[in-house]
Amino acid sequence: DLATEENMARTVATMMAGDDNLSMASEALSQTGLSTMLDGPSSYT
């Protein structure tokens, strides 16, 4: 896995939203408000 400059400029939530294979999980995070947390400065897996 490569932590590219492009990826390092994106948050976990942004990465999910841009991945066609994760659209349902991304939509679920948005619906619940958890995407806001994953767009913040704290680190999550």
ModelCIF file with pLDDT and N, C-alpha, C, O atoms, coordinates in Angstrom:
data_MODEL
#
_entry.id   MODEL 
#
_entity.id                         1 
_entity.type                       polymer 
_entity.pdbx_number_of_molecules   1 
#
_entity_poly.entity_id                      1 
_entity_poly.type                           'polypeptide(L)' 
_entity_poly.nstd_linkage                   no 
_entity_poly.nstd_monomer                   no 
_entity_poly.pdbx_seq_one_letter_code       DLATEENMARTVATMMAGDDNLSMASEALSQTGLSTMLDGPSSYT 
_entity_poly.pdbx_seq_one_letter_code_can   DLATEENMARTVATMMAGDDNLSMASEALSQTGLSTMLDGPSSYT 
_entity_poly.pdbx_strand_id                 A 
#
loop_
_entity_poly_seq.entity_id 
_entity_poly_seq.num 
_entity_poly_seq.mon_id 
_entity_poly_seq.hetero 
1 1  ASP n 
1 2  LEU n 
1 3  ALA n 
1 4  THR n 
1 5  GLU n 
1 6  GLU n 
1 7  ASN n 
1 8  MET n 
1 9  ALA n 
1 10 ARG n 
1 11 THR n 
1 12 VAL n 
1 13 ALA n 
1 14 THR n 
1 15 MET n 
1 16 MET n 
1 17 ALA n 
1 18 GLY n 
1 19 ASP n 
1 20 ASP n 
1 21 ASN n 
1 22 LEU n 
1 23 SER n 
1 24 MET n 
1 25 ALA n 
1 26 SER n 
1 27 GLU n 
1 28 ALA n 
1 29 LEU n 
1 30 SER n 
1 31 GLN n 
1 32 THR n 
1 33 GLY n 
1 34 LEU n 
1 35 SER n 
1 36 THR n 
1 37 MET n 
1 38 LEU n 
1 39 ASP n 
1 40 GLY n 
1 41 PRO n 
1 42 SER n 
1 43 SER n 
1 44 TYR n 
1 45 THR n 
#
_struct_asym.id          A 
_struct_asym.entity_id   1 
#
loop_
_ma_qa_metric.id 
_ma_qa_metric.mode 
_ma_qa_metric.name 
_ma_qa_metric.software_group_id 
_ma_qa_metric.type 
1 global pLDDT . pLDDT 
2 local  pLDDT . pLDDT 
#
_ma_qa_metric_global.metric_id      1 
_ma_qa_metric_global.metric_value   87.69 
_ma_qa_metric_global.model_id       1 
_ma_qa_metric_global.ordinal_id     1 
#
loop_
_ma_qa_metric_local.label_asym_id 
_ma_qa_metric_local.label_comp_id 
_ma_qa_metric_local.label_seq_id 
_ma_qa_metric_local.metric_id 
_ma_qa_metric_local.metric_value 
_ma_qa_metric_local.model_id 
_ma_qa_metric_local.ordinal_id 
A ASP 1  2 45.00 1 1  
A LEU 2  2 45.00 1 2  
A ALA 3  2 55.00 1 3  
A THR 4  2 55.00 1 4  
A GLU 5  2 56.00 1 5  
A GLU 6  2 59.00 1 6  
A ASN 7  2 62.00 1 7  
A MET 8  2 70.00 1 8  
A ALA 9  2 81.00 1 9  
A ARG 10 2 93.00 1 10 
A THR 11 2 96.00 1 11 
A VAL 12 2 96.00 1 12 
A ALA 13 2 96.00 1 13 
A THR 14 2 95.00 1 14 
A MET 15 2 95.00 1 15 
A MET 16 2 95.00 1 16 
A ALA 17 2 95.00 1 17 
A GLY 18 2 94.00 1 18 
A ASP 19 2 95.00 1 19 
A ASP 20 2 95.00 1 20 
A ASN 21 2 96.00 1 21 
A LEU 22 2 97.00 1 22 
A SER 23 2 95.00 1 23 
A MET 24 2 93.00 1 24 
A ALA 25 2 94.00 1 25 
A SER 26 2 96.00 1 26 
A GLU 27 2 94.00 1 27 
A ALA 28 2 93.00 1 28 
A LEU 29 2 95.00 1 29 
A SER 30 2 94.00 1 30 
A GLN 31 2 92.00 1 31 
A THR 32 2 94.00 1 32 
A GLY 33 2 94.00 1 33 
A LEU 34 2 96.00 1 34 
A SER 35 2 95.00 1 35 
A THR 36 2 95.00 1 36 
A MET 37 2 96.00 1 37 
A LEU 38 2 96.00 1 38 
A ASP 39 2 95.00 1 39 
A GLY 40 2 93.00 1 40 
A PRO 41 2 93.00 1 41 
A SER 42 2 95.00 1 42 
A SER 43 2 97.00 1 43 
A TYR 44 2 97.00 1 44 
A THR 45 2 98.00 1 45 
#
loop_
_atom_site.group_PDB 
_atom_site.id 
_atom_site.type_symbol 
_atom_site.label_atom_id 
_atom_site.label_alt_id 
_atom_site.label_comp_id 
_atom_site.label_asym_id 
_atom_site.label_entity_id 
_atom_site.label_seq_id 
_atom_site.pdbx_PDB_ins_code 
_atom_site.Cartn_x 
_atom_site.Cartn_y 
_atom_site.Cartn_z 
_atom_site.occupancy 
_atom_site.B_iso_or_equiv 
_atom_site.pdbx_formal_charge 
_atom_site.auth_seq_id 
_atom_site.auth_comp_id 
_atom_site.auth_asym_id 
_atom_site.auth_atom_id 
_atom_site.pdbx_PDB_model_num 
ATOM 1   N N  . ASP A 1 1  ? 0.864   -1.180 0.000  1.00 45.00 ? 1  ASP A N  1 
ATOM 2   C CA . ASP A 1 1  ? 0.000   0.000  0.000  1.00 45.00 ? 1  ASP A CA 1 
ATOM 3   C C  . ASP A 1 1  ? 0.895   1.222  0.000  1.00 45.00 ? 1  ASP A C  1 
ATOM 4   O O  . ASP A 1 1  ? 1.936   1.240  0.656  1.00 45.00 ? 1  ASP A O  1 
ATOM 5   N N  . LEU A 1 2  ? 0.496   2.220  -0.720 1.00 45.00 ? 2  LEU A N  1 
ATOM 6   C CA . LEU A 1 2  ? 1.316   3.408  -0.801 1.00 45.00 ? 2  LEU A CA 1 
ATOM 7   C C  . LEU A 1 2  ? 0.544   4.596  -0.271 1.00 45.00 ? 2  LEU A C  1 
ATOM 8   O O  . LEU A 1 2  ? -0.572  4.883  -0.702 1.00 45.00 ? 2  LEU A O  1 
ATOM 9   N N  . ALA A 1 3  ? 1.160   5.274  0.669  1.00 55.00 ? 3  ALA A N  1 
ATOM 10  C CA . ALA A 1 3  ? 0.577   6.501  1.192  1.00 55.00 ? 3  ALA A CA 1 
ATOM 11  C C  . ALA A 1 3  ? 1.023   7.613  0.253  1.00 55.00 ? 3  ALA A C  1 
ATOM 12  O O  . ALA A 1 3  ? 1.985   8.328  0.537  1.00 55.00 ? 3  ALA A O  1 
ATOM 13  N N  . THR A 1 4  ? 0.329   7.753  -0.848 1.00 55.00 ? 4  THR A N  1 
ATOM 14  C CA . THR A 1 4  ? 0.707   8.731  -1.863 1.00 55.00 ? 4  THR A CA 1 
ATOM 15  C C  . THR A 1 4  ? 0.392   10.140 -1.398 1.00 55.00 ? 4  THR A C  1 
ATOM 16  O O  . THR A 1 4  ? -0.398  10.348 -0.477 1.00 55.00 ? 4  THR A O  1 
ATOM 17  N N  . GLU A 1 5  ? 1.020   11.098 -2.050 1.00 56.00 ? 5  GLU A N  1 
ATOM 18  C CA . GLU A 1 5  ? 0.729   12.494 -1.726 1.00 56.00 ? 5  GLU A CA 1 
ATOM 19  C C  . GLU A 1 5  ? -0.748  12.791 -1.942 1.00 56.00 ? 5  GLU A C  1 
ATOM 20  O O  . GLU A 1 5  ? -1.363  13.526 -1.169 1.00 56.00 ? 5  GLU A O  1 
ATOM 21  N N  . GLU A 1 6  ? -1.320  12.208 -3.009 1.00 59.00 ? 6  GLU A N  1 
ATOM 22  C CA . GLU A 1 6  ? -2.741  12.422 -3.294 1.00 59.00 ? 6  GLU A CA 1 
ATOM 23  C C  . GLU A 1 6  ? -3.600  11.889 -2.146 1.00 59.00 ? 6  GLU A C  1 
ATOM 24  O O  . GLU A 1 6  ? -4.503  12.583 -1.681 1.00 59.00 ? 6  GLU A O  1 
ATOM 25  N N  . ASN A 1 7  ? -3.329  10.665 -1.685 1.00 62.00 ? 7  ASN A N  1 
ATOM 26  C CA . ASN A 1 7  ? -4.106  10.090 -0.586 1.00 62.00 ? 7  ASN A CA 1 
ATOM 27  C C  . ASN A 1 7  ? -3.894  10.860 0.709  1.00 62.00 ? 7  ASN A C  1 
ATOM 28  O O  . ASN A 1 7  ? -4.839  11.071 1.469  1.00 62.00 ? 7  ASN A O  1 
ATOM 29  N N  . MET A 1 8  ? -2.655  11.280 0.963  1.00 70.00 ? 8  MET A N  1 
ATOM 30  C CA . MET A 1 8  ? -2.370  11.983 2.206  1.00 70.00 ? 8  MET A CA 1 
ATOM 31  C C  . MET A 1 8  ? -3.052  13.349 2.260  1.00 70.00 ? 8  MET A C  1 
ATOM 32  O O  . MET A 1 8  ? -3.153  13.943 3.334  1.00 70.00 ? 8  MET A O  1 
ATOM 33  N N  . ALA A 1 9  ? -3.515  13.852 1.128  1.00 81.00 ? 9  ALA A N  1 
ATOM 34  C CA . ALA A 1 9  ? -4.238  15.121 1.095  1.00 81.00 ? 9  ALA A CA 1 
ATOM 35  C C  . ALA A 1 9  ? -5.734  14.899 1.292  1.00 81.00 ? 9  ALA A C  1 
ATOM 36  O O  . ALA A 1 9  ? -6.493  15.865 1.377  1.00 81.00 ? 9  ALA A O  1 
ATOM 37  N N  . ARG A 1 10 ? -6.169  13.635 1.366  1.00 93.00 ? 10 ARG A N  1 
ATOM 38  C CA . ARG A 1 10 ? -7.593  13.306 1.498  1.00 93.00 ? 10 ARG A CA 1 
ATOM 39  C C  . ARG A 1 10 ? -7.860  12.667 2.856  1.00 93.00 ? 10 ARG A C  1 
ATOM 40  O O  . ARG A 1 10 ? -7.001  11.985 3.416  1.00 93.00 ? 10 ARG A O  1 
ATOM 41  N N  . THR A 1 11 ? -9.051  12.895 3.372  1.00 96.00 ? 11 THR A N  1 
ATOM 42  C CA . THR A 1 11 ? -9.447  12.258 4.626  1.00 96.00 ? 11 THR A CA 1 
ATOM 43  C C  . THR A 1 11 ? -10.026 10.873 4.336  1.00 96.00 ? 11 THR A C  1 
ATOM 44  O O  . THR A 1 11 ? -10.301 10.535 3.185  1.00 96.00 ? 11 THR A O  1 
ATOM 45  N N  . VAL A 1 12 ? -10.203 10.087 5.380  1.00 96.00 ? 12 VAL A N  1 
ATOM 46  C CA . VAL A 1 12 ? -10.806 8.765  5.231  1.00 96.00 ? 12 VAL A CA 1 
ATOM 47  C C  . VAL A 1 12 ? -12.192 8.892  4.599  1.00 96.00 ? 12 VAL A C  1 
ATOM 48  O O  . VAL A 1 12 ? -12.533 8.126  3.697  1.00 96.00 ? 12 VAL A O  1 
ATOM 49  N N  . ALA A 1 13 ? -12.987 9.844  5.062  1.00 96.00 ? 13 ALA A N  1 
ATOM 50  C CA . ALA A 1 13 ? -14.341 10.022 4.525  1.00 96.00 ? 13 ALA A CA 1 
ATOM 51  C C  . ALA A 1 13 ? -14.305 10.390 3.049  1.00 96.00 ? 13 ALA A C  1 
ATOM 52  O O  . ALA A 1 13 ? -15.114 9.888  2.270  1.00 96.00 ? 13 ALA A O  1 
ATOM 53  N N  . THR A 1 14 ? -13.388 11.251 2.656  1.00 95.00 ? 14 THR A N  1 
ATOM 54  C CA . THR A 1 14 ? -13.262 11.655 1.255  1.00 95.00 ? 14 THR A CA 1 
ATOM 55  C C  . THR A 1 14 ? -12.837 10.475 0.391  1.00 95.00 ? 14 THR A C  1 
ATOM 56  O O  . THR A 1 14 ? -13.339 10.301 -0.720 1.00 95.00 ? 14 THR A O  1 
ATOM 57  N N  . MET A 1 15 ? -11.912 9.663  0.900  1.00 95.00 ? 15 MET A N  1 
ATOM 58  C CA . MET A 1 15 ? -11.486 8.469  0.156  1.00 95.00 ? 15 MET A CA 1 
ATOM 59  C C  . MET A 1 15 ? -12.653 7.520  -0.075 1.00 95.00 ? 15 MET A C  1 
ATOM 60  O O  . MET A 1 15 ? -12.840 7.004  -1.178 1.00 95.00 ? 15 MET A O  1 
ATOM 61  N N  . MET A 1 16 ? -13.434 7.296  0.974  1.00 95.00 ? 16 MET A N  1 
ATOM 62  C CA . MET A 1 16 ? -14.586 6.400  0.846  1.00 95.00 ? 16 MET A CA 1 
ATOM 63  C C  . MET A 1 16 ? -15.576 6.936  -0.173 1.00 95.00 ? 16 MET A C  1 
ATOM 64  O O  . MET A 1 16 ? -16.084 6.187  -1.008 1.00 95.00 ? 16 MET A O  1 
ATOM 65  N N  . ALA A 1 17 ? -15.849 8.226  -0.105 1.00 95.00 ? 17 ALA A N  1 
ATOM 66  C CA . ALA A 1 17 ? -16.823 8.833  -1.007 1.00 95.00 ? 17 ALA A CA 1 
ATOM 67  C C  . ALA A 1 17 ? -16.378 8.735  -2.464 1.00 95.00 ? 17 ALA A C  1 
ATOM 68  O O  . ALA A 1 17 ? -17.214 8.714  -3.367 1.00 95.00 ? 17 ALA A O  1 
ATOM 69  N N  . GLY A 1 18 ? -15.073 8.674  -2.696 1.00 94.00 ? 18 GLY A N  1 
ATOM 70  C CA . GLY A 1 18 ? -14.564 8.597  -4.050 1.00 94.00 ? 18 GLY A CA 1 
ATOM 71  C C  . GLY A 1 18 ? -14.335 7.191  -4.565 1.00 94.00 ? 18 GLY A C  1 
ATOM 72  O O  . GLY A 1 18 ? -13.879 7.016  -5.695 1.00 94.00 ? 18 GLY A O  1 
ATOM 73  N N  . ASP A 1 19 ? -14.642 6.188  -3.760 1.00 95.00 ? 19 ASP A N  1 
ATOM 74  C CA . ASP A 1 19 ? -14.413 4.799  -4.158 1.00 95.00 ? 19 ASP A CA 1 
ATOM 75  C C  . ASP A 1 19 ? -15.735 4.149  -4.534 1.00 95.00 ? 19 ASP A C  1 
ATOM 76  O O  . ASP A 1 19 ? -16.614 3.987  -3.688 1.00 95.00 ? 19 ASP A O  1 
ATOM 77  N N  . ASP A 1 20 ? -15.879 3.775  -5.804 1.00 95.00 ? 20 ASP A N  1 
ATOM 78  C CA . ASP A 1 20 ? -17.135 3.191  -6.300 1.00 95.00 ? 20 ASP A CA 1 
ATOM 79  C C  . ASP A 1 20 ? -17.517 1.907  -5.575 1.00 95.00 ? 20 ASP A C  1 
ATOM 80  O O  . ASP A 1 20 ? -18.703 1.589  -5.491 1.00 95.00 ? 20 ASP A O  1 
ATOM 81  N N  . ASN A 1 21 ? -16.563 1.168  -5.055 1.00 96.00 ? 21 ASN A N  1 
ATOM 82  C CA . ASN A 1 21 ? -16.844 -0.092 -4.353 1.00 96.00 ? 21 ASN A CA 1 
ATOM 83  C C  . ASN A 1 21 ? -17.269 0.119  -2.905 1.00 96.00 ? 21 ASN A C  1 
ATOM 84  O O  . ASN A 1 21 ? -17.658 -0.833 -2.230 1.00 96.00 ? 21 ASN A O  1 
ATOM 85  N N  . LEU A 1 22 ? -17.197 1.357  -2.422 1.00 97.00 ? 22 LEU A N  1 
ATOM 86  C CA . LEU A 1 22 ? -17.569 1.655  -1.037 1.00 97.00 ? 22 LEU A CA 1 
ATOM 87  C C  . LEU A 1 22 ? -18.731 2.645  -0.957 1.00 97.00 ? 22 LEU A C  1 
ATOM 88  O O  . LEU A 1 22 ? -18.908 3.310  0.063  1.00 97.00 ? 22 LEU A O  1 
ATOM 89  N N  . SER A 1 23 ? -19.517 2.744  -2.018 1.00 95.00 ? 23 SER A N  1 
ATOM 90  C CA . SER A 1 23 ? -20.573 3.761  -2.054 1.00 95.00 ? 23 SER A CA 1 
ATOM 91  C C  . SER A 1 23 ? -21.640 3.541  -0.984 1.00 95.00 ? 23 SER A C  1 
ATOM 92  O O  . SER A 1 23 ? -22.146 4.510  -0.418 1.00 95.00 ? 23 SER A O  1 
ATOM 93  N N  . MET A 1 24 ? -21.994 2.285  -0.695 1.00 93.00 ? 24 MET A N  1 
ATOM 94  C CA . MET A 1 24 ? -23.031 2.039  0.314  1.00 93.00 ? 24 MET A CA 1 
ATOM 95  C C  . MET A 1 24 ? -22.519 2.364  1.718  1.00 93.00 ? 24 MET A C  1 
ATOM 96  O O  . MET A 1 24 ? -23.245 2.956  2.517  1.00 93.00 ? 24 MET A O  1 
ATOM 97  N N  . ALA A 1 25 ? -21.289 1.987  2.022  1.00 94.00 ? 25 ALA A N  1 
ATOM 98  C CA . ALA A 1 25 ? -20.713 2.306  3.334  1.00 94.00 ? 25 ALA A CA 1 
ATOM 99  C C  . ALA A 1 25 ? -20.557 3.819  3.480  1.00 94.00 ? 25 ALA A C  1 
ATOM 100 O O  . ALA A 1 25 ? -20.822 4.373  4.546  1.00 94.00 ? 25 ALA A O  1 
ATOM 101 N N  . SER A 1 26 ? -20.130 4.481  2.412  1.00 96.00 ? 26 SER A N  1 
ATOM 102 C CA . SER A 1 26 ? -19.981 5.933  2.442  1.00 96.00 ? 26 SER A CA 1 
ATOM 103 C C  . SER A 1 26 ? -21.330 6.613  2.657  1.00 96.00 ? 26 SER A C  1 
ATOM 104 O O  . SER A 1 26 ? -21.438 7.553  3.445  1.00 96.00 ? 26 SER A O  1 
ATOM 105 N N  . GLU A 1 27 ? -22.358 6.137  1.955  1.00 94.00 ? 27 GLU A N  1 
ATOM 106 C CA . GLU A 1 27 ? -23.710 6.694  2.120  1.00 94.00 ? 27 GLU A CA 1 
ATOM 107 C C  . GLU A 1 27 ? -24.210 6.483  3.554  1.00 94.00 ? 27 GLU A C  1 
ATOM 108 O O  . GLU A 1 27 ? -24.827 7.373  4.140  1.00 94.00 ? 27 GLU A O  1 
ATOM 109 N N  . ALA A 1 28 ? -23.940 5.300  4.110  1.00 93.00 ? 28 ALA A N  1 
ATOM 110 C CA . ALA A 1 28 ? -24.362 5.010  5.482  1.00 93.00 ? 28 ALA A CA 1 
ATOM 111 C C  . ALA A 1 28 ? -23.657 5.935  6.469  1.00 93.00 ? 28 ALA A C  1 
ATOM 112 O O  . ALA A 1 28 ? -24.282 6.422  7.411  1.00 93.00 ? 28 ALA A O  1 
ATOM 113 N N  . LEU A 1 29 ? -22.372 6.180  6.267  1.00 95.00 ? 29 LEU A N  1 
ATOM 114 C CA . LEU A 1 29 ? -21.641 7.100  7.149  1.00 95.00 ? 29 LEU A CA 1 
ATOM 115 C C  . LEU A 1 29 ? -22.201 8.508  7.050  1.00 95.00 ? 29 LEU A C  1 
ATOM 116 O O  . LEU A 1 29 ? -22.323 9.201  8.060  1.00 95.00 ? 29 LEU A O  1 
ATOM 117 N N  . SER A 1 30 ? -22.540 8.935  5.849  1.00 94.00 ? 30 SER A N  1 
ATOM 118 C CA . SER A 1 30 ? -23.118 10.270 5.661  1.00 94.00 ? 30 SER A CA 1 
ATOM 119 C C  . SER A 1 30 ? -24.476 10.378 6.333  1.00 94.00 ? 30 SER A C  1 
ATOM 120 O O  . SER A 1 30 ? -24.774 11.366 7.004  1.00 94.00 ? 30 SER A O  1 
ATOM 121 N N  . GLN A 1 31 ? -25.294 9.354  6.147  1.00 92.00 ? 31 GLN A N  1 
ATOM 122 C CA . GLN A 1 31 ? -26.640 9.362  6.724  1.00 92.00 ? 31 GLN A CA 1 
ATOM 123 C C  . GLN A 1 31 ? -26.608 9.438  8.250  1.00 92.00 ? 31 GLN A C  1 
ATOM 124 O O  . GLN A 1 31 ? -27.477 10.056 8.865  1.00 92.00 ? 31 GLN A O  1 
ATOM 125 N N  . THR A 1 32 ? -25.617 8.815  8.846  1.00 94.00 ? 32 THR A N  1 
ATOM 126 C CA . THR A 1 32 ? -25.553 8.777  10.307 1.00 94.00 ? 32 THR A CA 1 
ATOM 127 C C  . THR A 1 32 ? -24.770 9.935  10.910 1.00 94.00 ? 32 THR A C  1 
ATOM 128 O O  . THR A 1 32 ? -24.768 10.115 12.127 1.00 94.00 ? 32 THR A O  1 
ATOM 129 N N  . GLY A 1 33 ? -24.105 10.720 10.069 1.00 94.00 ? 33 GLY A N  1 
ATOM 130 C CA . GLY A 1 33 ? -23.288 11.824 10.568 1.00 94.00 ? 33 GLY A CA 1 
ATOM 131 C C  . GLY A 1 33 ? -21.869 11.421 10.919 1.00 94.00 ? 33 GLY A C  1 
ATOM 132 O O  . GLY A 1 33 ? -21.062 12.273 11.288 1.00 94.00 ? 33 GLY A O  1 
ATOM 133 N N  . LEU A 1 34 ? -21.547 10.131 10.811 1.00 96.00 ? 34 LEU A N  1 
ATOM 134 C CA . LEU A 1 34 ? -20.197 9.676  11.144 1.00 96.00 ? 34 LEU A CA 1 
ATOM 135 C C  . LEU A 1 34 ? -19.162 10.144 10.131 1.00 96.00 ? 34 LEU A C  1 
ATOM 136 O O  . LEU A 1 34 ? -17.974 10.190 10.448 1.00 96.00 ? 34 LEU A O  1 
ATOM 137 N N  . SER A 1 35 ? -19.585 10.490 8.922  1.00 95.00 ? 35 SER A N  1 
ATOM 138 C CA . SER A 1 35 ? -18.627 10.967 7.922  1.00 95.00 ? 35 SER A CA 1 
ATOM 139 C C  . SER A 1 35 ? -17.994 12.286 8.360  1.00 95.00 ? 35 SER A C  1 
ATOM 140 O O  . SER A 1 35 ? -16.843 12.564 8.024  1.00 95.00 ? 35 SER A O  1 
ATOM 141 N N  . THR A 1 36 ? -18.732 13.091 9.101  1.00 95.00 ? 36 THR A N  1 
ATOM 142 C CA . THR A 1 36 ? -18.187 14.347 9.614  1.00 95.00 ? 36 THR A CA 1 
ATOM 143 C C  . THR A 1 36 ? -17.005 14.072 10.537 1.00 95.00 ? 36 THR A C  1 
ATOM 144 O O  . THR A 1 36 ? -15.984 14.755 10.468 1.00 95.00 ? 36 THR A O  1 
ATOM 145 N N  . MET A 1 37 ? -17.148 13.073 11.397 1.00 96.00 ? 37 MET A N  1 
ATOM 146 C CA . MET A 1 37 ? -16.068 12.687 12.301 1.00 96.00 ? 37 MET A CA 1 
ATOM 147 C C  . MET A 1 37 ? -14.858 12.215 11.487 1.00 96.00 ? 37 MET A C  1 
ATOM 148 O O  . MET A 1 37 ? -13.720 12.548 11.818 1.00 96.00 ? 37 MET A O  1 
ATOM 149 N N  . LEU A 1 38 ? -15.103 11.440 10.422 1.00 96.00 ? 38 LEU A N  1 
ATOM 150 C CA . LEU A 1 38 ? -14.016 10.897 9.612  1.00 96.00 ? 38 LEU A CA 1 
ATOM 151 C C  . LEU A 1 38 ? -13.422 11.927 8.655  1.00 96.00 ? 38 LEU A C  1 
ATOM 152 O O  . LEU A 1 38 ? -12.463 11.628 7.942  1.00 96.00 ? 38 LEU A O  1 
ATOM 153 N N  . ASP A 1 39 ? -13.978 13.128 8.632  1.00 95.00 ? 39 ASP A N  1 
ATOM 154 C CA . ASP A 1 39 ? -13.416 14.231 7.864  1.00 95.00 ? 39 ASP A CA 1 
ATOM 155 C C  . ASP A 1 39 ? -12.596 15.154 8.764  1.00 95.00 ? 39 ASP A C  1 
ATOM 156 O O  . ASP A 1 39 ? -11.974 16.102 8.284  1.00 95.00 ? 39 ASP A O  1 
ATOM 157 N N  . GLY A 1 40 ? -12.596 14.876 10.065 1.00 93.00 ? 40 GLY A N  1 
ATOM 158 C CA . GLY A 1 40 ? -11.901 15.717 11.034 1.00 93.00 ? 40 GLY A CA 1 
ATOM 159 C C  . GLY A 1 40 ? -10.437 15.355 11.199 1.00 93.00 ? 40 GLY A C  1 
ATOM 160 O O  . GLY A 1 40 ? -9.903  14.521 10.469 1.00 93.00 ? 40 GLY A O  1 
ATOM 161 N N  . PRO A 1 41 ? -9.792  15.995 12.171 1.00 93.00 ? 41 PRO A N  1 
ATOM 162 C CA . PRO A 1 41 ? -8.352  15.810 12.355 1.00 93.00 ? 41 PRO A CA 1 
ATOM 163 C C  . PRO A 1 41 ? -7.951  14.542 13.125 1.00 93.00 ? 41 PRO A C  1 
ATOM 164 O O  . PRO A 1 41 ? -6.797  14.122 13.041 1.00 93.00 ? 41 PRO A O  1 
ATOM 165 N N  . SER A 1 42 ? -8.851  13.940 13.850 1.00 95.00 ? 42 SER A N  1 
ATOM 166 C CA . SER A 1 42 ? -8.506  12.744 14.627 1.00 95.00 ? 42 SER A CA 1 
ATOM 167 C C  . SER A 1 42 ? -8.277  11.559 13.702 1.00 95.00 ? 42 SER A C  1 
ATOM 168 O O  . SER A 1 42 ? -8.851  11.487 12.616 1.00 95.00 ? 42 SER A O  1 
ATOM 169 N N  . SER A 1 43 ? -7.431  10.626 14.141 1.00 97.00 ? 43 SER A N  1 
ATOM 170 C CA . SER A 1 43 ? -7.093  9.459  13.325 1.00 97.00 ? 43 SER A CA 1 
ATOM 171 C C  . SER A 1 43 ? -7.990  8.272  13.640 1.00 97.00 ? 43 SER A C  1 
ATOM 172 O O  . SER A 1 43 ? -8.290  7.989  14.799 1.00 97.00 ? 43 SER A O  1 
ATOM 173 N N  . TYR A 1 44 ? -8.413  7.583  12.583 1.00 97.00 ? 44 TYR A N  1 
ATOM 174 C CA . TYR A 1 44 ? -9.248  6.399  12.712 1.00 97.00 ? 44 TYR A CA 1 
ATOM 175 C C  . TYR A 1 44 ? -8.839  5.349  11.688 1.00 97.00 ? 44 TYR A C  1 
ATOM 176 O O  . TYR A 1 44 ? -8.304  5.669  10.626 1.00 97.00 ? 44 TYR A O  1 
ATOM 177 N N  . THR A 1 45 ? -9.097  4.107  12.022 1.00 98.00 ? 45 THR A N  1 
ATOM 178 C CA . THR A 1 45 ? -8.982  3.005  11.076 1.00 98.00 ? 45 THR A CA 1 
ATOM 179 C C  . THR A 1 45 ? -10.402 2.559  10.803 1.00 98.00 ? 45 THR A C  1 
ATOM 180 O O  . THR A 1 45 ? -10.619 1.628  10.027 1.00 98.00 ? 45 THR A O  1 
#
